[in-house]
Amino acid sequence: MKTGKSIWRRLLVMVVSVAMMIGCIGGVSAAFAAPVSLSEGEAVLHTLGSIQSKVELGNEFTVLEAEQGVKLSVQDPTGKDITQDGNYAYNASVLGNYKVTYSNENVSYTYIIKCYEDAEYYIEVKGNGSSIPTFIAPNTEFTLPEWHL
């Protein structure tokens, strides 16, 4: 009797294992069977090309041309809409992230272009900071030395 139960248990475990394997493989193949195509009607928002991810302050950056019926908006880091200089080129005049959005009545797509400045800033303190105390007792006041960027 124990042998019969053992055989049924093994058979049940094997059947469940095979069913799980087939289910997992089926799910993976279904994910690869239907890739999303950029050429499916309303999903196309802009022309194909590479998207610029960063721009140096003061330089121009270009965005991809919007398809017909698609609204293109570019906002500077302060949230104001900016206008193009021509041929989908914009001037990066403010440090921060520029937000580029393509949208129609069904779909919206947004990406960020980072505006950076290639400069190093440091604080220079008169006398190499010798007038700044190393240890300060509680409730002690002192005057900060002159400094500039």
N, C-alpha and C. Protein backbone atom coordinates (compact mmCIF):
# COMPACT_ATOMS: atom_id res chain seq x y z
N MET A 1 0.82 -1.18 0.00
CA MET A 1 0.00 0.00 0.00
C MET A 1 0.87 1.25 0.00
N LYS A 2 1.95 1.26 0.81
CA LYS A 2 2.83 2.42 0.84
C LYS A 2 3.51 2.60 -0.51
N THR A 3 3.83 1.52 -1.17
CA THR A 3 4.47 1.61 -2.47
C THR A 3 3.54 2.25 -3.49
N GLY A 4 2.26 1.92 -3.43
CA GLY A 4 1.28 2.50 -4.33
C GLY A 4 1.13 4.00 -4.13
N LYS A 5 1.07 4.45 -2.88
CA LYS A 5 0.97 5.88 -2.58
C LYS A 5 2.23 6.60 -3.04
N SER A 6 3.37 5.97 -2.85
CA SER A 6 4.64 6.57 -3.25
C SER A 6 4.71 6.74 -4.76
N ILE A 7 4.25 5.74 -5.50
CA ILE A 7 4.26 5.83 -6.96
C ILE A 7 3.33 6.96 -7.42
N TRP A 8 2.13 7.06 -6.84
CA TRP A 8 1.18 8.11 -7.20
C TRP A 8 1.73 9.50 -6.86
N ARG A 9 2.39 9.61 -5.75
CA ARG A 9 2.98 10.91 -5.38
C ARG A 9 4.07 11.32 -6.37
N ARG A 10 4.93 10.37 -6.72
CA ARG A 10 5.99 10.66 -7.68
C ARG A 10 5.41 11.04 -9.04
N LEU A 11 4.38 10.31 -9.45
CA LEU A 11 3.74 10.60 -10.72
C LEU A 11 3.09 11.99 -10.70
N LEU A 12 2.43 12.32 -9.60
CA LEU A 12 1.81 13.64 -9.46
C LEU A 12 2.85 14.76 -9.48
N VAL A 13 3.95 14.58 -8.77
CA VAL A 13 5.03 15.57 -8.76
C VAL A 13 5.60 15.75 -10.16
N MET A 14 5.78 14.65 -10.88
CA MET A 14 6.32 14.71 -12.23
C MET A 14 5.36 15.46 -13.16
N VAL A 15 4.06 15.17 -13.08
CA VAL A 15 3.07 15.83 -13.94
C VAL A 15 3.03 17.34 -13.64
N VAL A 16 3.01 17.69 -12.37
CA VAL A 16 2.99 19.11 -11.99
C VAL A 16 4.27 19.82 -12.46
N SER A 17 5.39 19.15 -12.32
CA SER A 17 6.67 19.74 -12.75
C SER A 17 6.68 19.99 -14.25
N VAL A 18 6.22 19.02 -15.02
CA VAL A 18 6.18 19.17 -16.47
C VAL A 18 5.21 20.29 -16.85
N ALA A 19 4.07 20.35 -16.19
CA ALA A 19 3.10 21.42 -16.48
C ALA A 19 3.67 22.79 -16.18
N MET A 20 4.41 22.91 -15.09
CA MET A 20 5.03 24.20 -14.76
C MET A 20 6.09 24.57 -15.77
N MET A 21 6.90 23.59 -16.21
CA MET A 21 7.92 23.88 -17.21
C MET A 21 7.30 24.36 -18.51
N ILE A 22 6.25 23.70 -18.96
CA ILE A 22 5.59 24.09 -20.20
C ILE A 22 4.96 25.47 -20.05
N GLY A 23 4.37 25.74 -18.91
CA GLY A 23 3.77 27.06 -18.67
C GLY A 23 4.80 28.16 -18.69
N CYS A 24 5.96 27.93 -18.08
CA CYS A 24 7.01 28.96 -18.06
C CYS A 24 7.59 29.18 -19.44
N ILE A 25 7.85 28.09 -20.16
CA ILE A 25 8.41 28.22 -21.50
C ILE A 25 7.41 28.91 -22.41
N GLY A 26 6.13 28.58 -22.27
CA GLY A 26 5.09 29.22 -23.08
C GLY A 26 5.02 30.71 -22.81
N GLY A 27 5.16 31.11 -21.55
CA GLY A 27 5.13 32.53 -21.21
C GLY A 27 6.31 33.27 -21.79
N VAL A 28 7.48 32.66 -21.78
CA VAL A 28 8.67 33.30 -22.34
C VAL A 28 8.55 33.42 -23.84
N SER A 29 8.09 32.35 -24.50
CA SER A 29 7.98 32.42 -25.95
C SER A 29 6.90 33.42 -26.37
N ALA A 30 5.85 33.58 -25.56
CA ALA A 30 4.82 34.56 -25.88
C ALA A 30 5.37 35.97 -25.79
N ALA A 31 6.29 36.19 -24.86
CA ALA A 31 6.88 37.52 -24.72
C ALA A 31 7.73 37.87 -25.93
N PHE A 32 8.40 36.88 -26.52
CA PHE A 32 9.24 37.14 -27.68
C PHE A 32 8.46 37.05 -28.99
N ALA A 33 7.27 36.47 -28.96
CA ALA A 33 6.52 36.25 -30.19
C ALA A 33 5.92 37.52 -30.74
N ALA A 34 5.60 38.50 -29.90
CA ALA A 34 4.92 39.70 -30.36
C ALA A 34 5.70 40.95 -29.98
N PRO A 35 6.82 41.23 -30.66
CA PRO A 35 7.56 42.45 -30.33
C PRO A 35 6.77 43.68 -30.76
N VAL A 36 6.96 44.77 -30.05
CA VAL A 36 6.28 46.02 -30.38
C VAL A 36 7.05 46.67 -31.52
N SER A 37 6.35 47.03 -32.56
CA SER A 37 6.97 47.66 -33.72
C SER A 37 6.72 49.16 -33.68
N LEU A 38 7.72 49.93 -34.04
CA LEU A 38 7.57 51.39 -34.07
C LEU A 38 6.71 51.85 -35.24
N SER A 39 6.45 50.98 -36.20
CA SER A 39 5.71 51.41 -37.38
C SER A 39 4.22 51.08 -37.29
N GLU A 40 3.71 50.79 -36.13
CA GLU A 40 2.29 50.46 -35.97
C GLU A 40 1.46 51.72 -35.73
N GLY A 41 1.02 52.35 -36.77
CA GLY A 41 0.10 53.48 -36.73
C GLY A 41 0.40 54.57 -35.72
N GLU A 42 -0.40 54.66 -34.67
CA GLU A 42 -0.35 55.76 -33.72
C GLU A 42 0.90 55.74 -32.83
N ALA A 43 1.65 54.63 -32.81
CA ALA A 43 2.80 54.54 -31.92
C ALA A 43 3.97 55.37 -32.44
N VAL A 44 3.98 55.75 -33.71
CA VAL A 44 5.09 56.51 -34.27
C VAL A 44 4.90 57.99 -33.91
N LEU A 45 5.83 58.53 -33.12
CA LEU A 45 5.73 59.93 -32.70
C LEU A 45 6.80 60.81 -33.34
N HIS A 46 7.95 60.22 -33.68
CA HIS A 46 9.02 61.01 -34.28
C HIS A 46 9.81 60.15 -35.24
N THR A 47 10.64 60.80 -36.04
CA THR A 47 11.48 60.06 -36.97
C THR A 47 12.51 59.23 -36.21
N LEU A 48 13.01 58.20 -36.86
CA LEU A 48 14.01 57.36 -36.22
C LEU A 48 15.36 58.08 -36.22
N GLY A 49 16.15 57.85 -35.20
CA GLY A 49 17.45 58.47 -35.08
C GLY A 49 17.95 58.36 -33.66
N SER A 50 19.11 58.88 -33.41
CA SER A 50 19.66 58.81 -32.06
C SER A 50 19.21 60.03 -31.26
N ILE A 51 18.95 59.80 -29.99
CA ILE A 51 18.48 60.85 -29.09
C ILE A 51 19.67 61.39 -28.32
N GLN A 52 19.84 62.70 -28.35
CA GLN A 52 20.92 63.36 -27.63
C GLN A 52 20.60 63.34 -26.14
N SER A 53 21.57 62.95 -25.30
CA SER A 53 21.30 62.83 -23.87
C SER A 53 21.88 63.98 -23.05
N LYS A 54 22.87 64.70 -23.59
CA LYS A 54 23.44 65.81 -22.83
C LYS A 54 23.96 66.87 -23.78
N VAL A 55 24.05 68.10 -23.26
CA VAL A 55 24.54 69.23 -24.03
C VAL A 55 25.26 70.18 -23.08
N GLU A 56 26.32 70.81 -23.58
CA GLU A 56 27.06 71.78 -22.75
C GLU A 56 26.33 73.12 -22.78
N LEU A 57 26.35 73.82 -21.66
CA LEU A 57 25.69 75.11 -21.52
C LEU A 57 26.14 76.06 -22.62
N GLY A 58 25.17 76.72 -23.27
CA GLY A 58 25.46 77.68 -24.34
C GLY A 58 25.46 77.07 -25.72
N ASN A 59 25.46 75.75 -25.84
CA ASN A 59 25.46 75.09 -27.14
C ASN A 59 24.03 74.76 -27.56
N GLU A 60 23.88 74.39 -28.83
CA GLU A 60 22.58 73.97 -29.34
C GLU A 60 22.43 72.46 -29.22
N PHE A 61 21.19 72.02 -29.04
CA PHE A 61 20.90 70.59 -29.12
C PHE A 61 19.73 70.41 -30.08
N THR A 62 19.71 69.26 -30.72
CA THR A 62 18.63 68.98 -31.67
C THR A 62 17.80 67.81 -31.16
N VAL A 63 16.53 67.84 -31.50
CA VAL A 63 15.63 66.76 -31.17
C VAL A 63 15.15 66.14 -32.48
N LEU A 64 14.58 64.96 -32.38
CA LEU A 64 14.09 64.28 -33.58
C LEU A 64 12.83 64.95 -34.10
N GLU A 65 12.67 64.94 -35.40
CA GLU A 65 11.53 65.58 -36.04
C GLU A 65 10.24 64.87 -35.67
N ALA A 66 9.22 65.62 -35.31
CA ALA A 66 7.92 65.05 -34.95
C ALA A 66 7.17 64.64 -36.21
N GLU A 67 6.44 63.54 -36.12
CA GLU A 67 5.62 63.08 -37.23
C GLU A 67 4.41 63.99 -37.38
N GLN A 68 3.71 63.89 -38.49
CA GLN A 68 2.53 64.71 -38.75
C GLN A 68 1.44 64.40 -37.73
N GLY A 69 0.86 65.43 -37.14
CA GLY A 69 -0.19 65.27 -36.15
C GLY A 69 0.32 65.06 -34.73
N VAL A 70 1.62 65.13 -34.54
CA VAL A 70 2.23 64.94 -33.22
C VAL A 70 2.71 66.28 -32.69
N LYS A 71 2.38 66.58 -31.45
CA LYS A 71 2.80 67.84 -30.82
C LYS A 71 4.15 67.62 -30.15
N LEU A 72 5.08 68.51 -30.44
CA LEU A 72 6.41 68.48 -29.83
C LEU A 72 6.53 69.67 -28.89
N SER A 73 6.93 69.42 -27.64
CA SER A 73 7.18 70.53 -26.72
C SER A 73 8.51 70.29 -26.02
N VAL A 74 9.27 71.35 -25.87
CA VAL A 74 10.55 71.31 -25.18
C VAL A 74 10.50 72.35 -24.06
N GLN A 75 10.78 71.89 -22.84
CA GLN A 75 10.76 72.79 -21.68
C GLN A 75 12.16 72.91 -21.10
N ASP A 76 12.51 74.12 -20.69
CA ASP A 76 13.81 74.32 -20.04
C ASP A 76 13.70 73.86 -18.57
N PRO A 77 14.81 73.86 -17.84
CA PRO A 77 14.78 73.38 -16.45
C PRO A 77 13.85 74.15 -15.52
N THR A 78 13.45 75.38 -15.90
CA THR A 78 12.52 76.13 -15.06
C THR A 78 11.07 75.80 -15.39
N GLY A 79 10.83 74.98 -16.42
CA GLY A 79 9.48 74.59 -16.79
C GLY A 79 8.85 75.43 -17.88
N LYS A 80 9.58 76.40 -18.42
CA LYS A 80 9.04 77.24 -19.50
C LYS A 80 9.26 76.56 -20.84
N ASP A 81 8.23 76.65 -21.72
CA ASP A 81 8.38 76.14 -23.08
C ASP A 81 9.36 77.02 -23.84
N ILE A 82 10.23 76.39 -24.62
CA ILE A 82 11.18 77.16 -25.43
C ILE A 82 10.90 76.88 -26.90
N THR A 83 11.27 77.84 -27.75
CA THR A 83 11.03 77.70 -29.18
C THR A 83 12.32 77.30 -29.87
N GLN A 84 12.14 76.64 -30.99
CA GLN A 84 13.31 76.14 -31.71
C GLN A 84 13.97 77.24 -32.53
N ASP A 85 15.27 77.07 -32.75
CA ASP A 85 16.04 78.01 -33.55
C ASP A 85 15.96 77.66 -35.04
N GLY A 86 15.29 76.58 -35.37
CA GLY A 86 15.19 76.11 -36.75
C GLY A 86 15.71 74.70 -36.86
N ASN A 87 15.08 73.90 -37.70
CA ASN A 87 15.47 72.50 -37.92
C ASN A 87 15.55 71.71 -36.62
N TYR A 88 14.59 71.92 -35.75
CA TYR A 88 14.49 71.19 -34.47
C TYR A 88 15.72 71.39 -33.60
N ALA A 89 16.34 72.55 -33.68
CA ALA A 89 17.50 72.89 -32.85
C ALA A 89 17.07 73.88 -31.77
N TYR A 90 17.59 73.68 -30.57
CA TYR A 90 17.25 74.54 -29.43
C TYR A 90 18.55 74.97 -28.76
N ASN A 91 18.51 76.16 -28.13
CA ASN A 91 19.69 76.67 -27.44
C ASN A 91 19.60 76.32 -25.95
N ALA A 92 20.65 75.70 -25.42
CA ALA A 92 20.69 75.35 -23.99
C ALA A 92 21.29 76.52 -23.22
N SER A 93 20.44 77.37 -22.70
CA SER A 93 20.91 78.58 -22.02
C SER A 93 20.76 78.52 -20.51
N VAL A 94 20.19 77.42 -19.99
CA VAL A 94 19.98 77.28 -18.55
C VAL A 94 20.50 75.91 -18.13
N LEU A 95 21.24 75.88 -17.01
CA LEU A 95 21.72 74.59 -16.50
C LEU A 95 20.56 73.75 -15.97
N GLY A 96 20.62 72.45 -16.19
CA GLY A 96 19.60 71.55 -15.67
C GLY A 96 19.12 70.58 -16.72
N ASN A 97 17.93 70.02 -16.51
CA ASN A 97 17.37 69.02 -17.41
C ASN A 97 16.29 69.61 -18.30
N TYR A 98 16.49 69.50 -19.61
CA TYR A 98 15.49 69.92 -20.59
C TYR A 98 14.57 68.74 -20.85
N LYS A 99 13.26 68.99 -20.84
CA LYS A 99 12.26 67.94 -21.00
C LYS A 99 11.67 68.01 -22.41
N VAL A 100 11.83 66.93 -23.18
CA VAL A 100 11.34 66.86 -24.55
C VAL A 100 10.16 65.90 -24.57
N THR A 101 9.00 66.36 -25.06
CA THR A 101 7.79 65.53 -25.06
C THR A 101 7.17 65.51 -26.45
N TYR A 102 6.90 64.30 -26.94
CA TYR A 102 6.13 64.08 -28.16
C TYR A 102 4.79 63.52 -27.72
N SER A 103 3.69 64.05 -28.25
CA SER A 103 2.39 63.52 -27.83
C SER A 103 1.36 63.69 -28.94
N ASN A 104 0.41 62.76 -28.96
CA ASN A 104 -0.80 62.89 -29.77
C ASN A 104 -1.96 62.54 -28.87
N GLU A 105 -3.14 62.33 -29.43
CA GLU A 105 -4.30 62.08 -28.57
C GLU A 105 -4.25 60.73 -27.87
N ASN A 106 -3.40 59.80 -28.30
CA ASN A 106 -3.37 58.46 -27.71
C ASN A 106 -2.13 58.17 -26.88
N VAL A 107 -0.99 58.71 -27.27
CA VAL A 107 0.28 58.31 -26.69
C VAL A 107 1.12 59.54 -26.37
N SER A 108 1.95 59.43 -25.34
CA SER A 108 2.88 60.50 -25.00
C SER A 108 4.23 59.88 -24.67
N TYR A 109 5.31 60.53 -25.09
CA TYR A 109 6.66 60.02 -24.87
C TYR A 109 7.54 61.19 -24.44
N THR A 110 8.25 61.05 -23.32
CA THR A 110 9.09 62.13 -22.79
C THR A 110 10.48 61.60 -22.50
N TYR A 111 11.49 62.41 -22.81
CA TYR A 111 12.85 62.10 -22.40
C TYR A 111 13.54 63.38 -21.96
N ILE A 112 14.68 63.22 -21.30
CA ILE A 112 15.41 64.34 -20.69
C ILE A 112 16.75 64.52 -21.40
N ILE A 113 17.13 65.79 -21.62
CA ILE A 113 18.47 66.14 -22.10
C ILE A 113 19.13 66.96 -20.99
N LYS A 114 20.25 66.48 -20.49
CA LYS A 114 20.95 67.13 -19.38
C LYS A 114 21.87 68.23 -19.92
N CYS A 115 21.70 69.43 -19.39
CA CYS A 115 22.57 70.55 -19.74
C CYS A 115 23.60 70.72 -18.61
N TYR A 116 24.87 70.66 -18.96
CA TYR A 116 25.94 70.74 -17.96
C TYR A 116 26.91 71.86 -18.31
N GLU A 117 27.70 72.24 -17.35
CA GLU A 117 28.75 73.24 -17.58
C GLU A 117 30.08 72.60 -17.29
N ASP A 118 30.99 72.72 -18.22
CA ASP A 118 32.30 72.09 -18.05
C ASP A 118 33.25 73.08 -17.36
N ALA A 119 32.99 73.32 -16.09
CA ALA A 119 33.82 74.23 -15.30
C ALA A 119 33.91 73.69 -13.88
N GLU A 120 35.00 74.00 -13.23
CA GLU A 120 35.16 73.61 -11.84
C GLU A 120 35.12 74.86 -10.97
N TYR A 121 34.35 74.78 -9.92
CA TYR A 121 34.25 75.90 -8.99
C TYR A 121 34.90 75.51 -7.67
N TYR A 122 35.53 76.47 -7.05
CA TYR A 122 36.10 76.24 -5.73
C TYR A 122 36.02 77.55 -4.97
N ILE A 123 36.00 77.42 -3.68
CA ILE A 123 35.94 78.60 -2.82
C ILE A 123 37.36 78.92 -2.36
N GLU A 124 37.73 80.16 -2.56
CA GLU A 124 39.06 80.60 -2.13
C GLU A 124 38.87 81.51 -0.92
N VAL A 125 39.49 81.16 0.19
CA VAL A 125 39.37 81.93 1.42
C VAL A 125 40.69 82.66 1.65
N LYS A 126 40.58 83.93 1.97
CA LYS A 126 41.76 84.76 2.21
C LYS A 126 42.64 84.14 3.30
N GLY A 127 43.94 84.10 3.08
CA GLY A 127 44.87 83.54 4.06
C GLY A 127 44.76 82.01 4.17
N ASN A 128 44.27 81.35 3.11
CA ASN A 128 44.08 79.89 3.10
C ASN A 128 43.22 79.41 4.27
N GLY A 129 42.31 80.23 4.72
CA GLY A 129 41.39 79.83 5.77
C GLY A 129 41.99 79.82 7.16
N SER A 130 43.12 80.49 7.34
CA SER A 130 43.78 80.47 8.64
C SER A 130 42.97 81.19 9.72
N SER A 131 42.04 82.07 9.31
CA SER A 131 41.25 82.78 10.30
C SER A 131 39.99 82.01 10.72
N ILE A 132 39.76 80.85 10.12
CA ILE A 132 38.60 80.04 10.50
C ILE A 132 39.03 79.12 11.65
N PRO A 133 38.37 79.20 12.79
CA PRO A 133 38.77 78.37 13.93
C PRO A 133 38.50 76.89 13.66
N THR A 134 39.39 76.04 14.19
CA THR A 134 39.24 74.60 14.03
C THR A 134 38.22 74.05 15.01
N PHE A 135 38.28 74.49 16.25
CA PHE A 135 37.33 74.06 17.28
C PHE A 135 36.59 75.29 17.79
N ILE A 136 35.29 75.13 17.99
CA ILE A 136 34.48 76.24 18.48
C ILE A 136 33.71 75.77 19.70
N ALA A 137 33.81 76.54 20.77
CA ALA A 137 33.04 76.23 21.97
C ALA A 137 31.58 76.58 21.73
N PRO A 138 30.66 75.92 22.42
CA PRO A 138 29.24 76.25 22.26
C PRO A 138 28.97 77.72 22.56
N ASN A 139 28.04 78.30 21.80
CA ASN A 139 27.63 79.70 21.96
C ASN A 139 28.75 80.69 21.71
N THR A 140 29.70 80.33 20.86
CA THR A 140 30.80 81.23 20.52
C THR A 140 30.53 81.82 19.14
N GLU A 141 30.80 83.10 18.98
CA GLU A 141 30.60 83.76 17.70
C GLU A 141 31.95 84.15 17.11
N PHE A 142 32.05 84.09 15.78
CA PHE A 142 33.25 84.57 15.11
C PHE A 142 32.83 85.10 13.74
N THR A 143 33.65 85.92 13.15
CA THR A 143 33.37 86.54 11.86
C THR A 143 33.99 85.70 10.76
N LEU A 144 33.18 85.38 9.74
CA LEU A 144 33.70 84.61 8.61
C LEU A 144 34.66 85.48 7.80
N PRO A 145 35.72 84.91 7.32
CA PRO A 145 36.66 85.68 6.49
C PRO A 145 36.09 85.95 5.11
N GLU A 146 36.72 86.84 4.36
CA GLU A 146 36.32 87.12 3.00
C GLU A 146 36.56 85.92 2.11
N TRP A 147 35.66 85.70 1.16
CA TRP A 147 35.83 84.59 0.23
C TRP A 147 35.17 84.95 -1.09
N HIS A 148 35.55 84.25 -2.14
CA HIS A 148 34.93 84.44 -3.45
C HIS A 148 35.09 83.16 -4.27
N LEU A 149 34.27 83.07 -5.32
CA LEU A 149 34.32 81.90 -6.22
C LEU A 149 35.38 82.14 -7.26
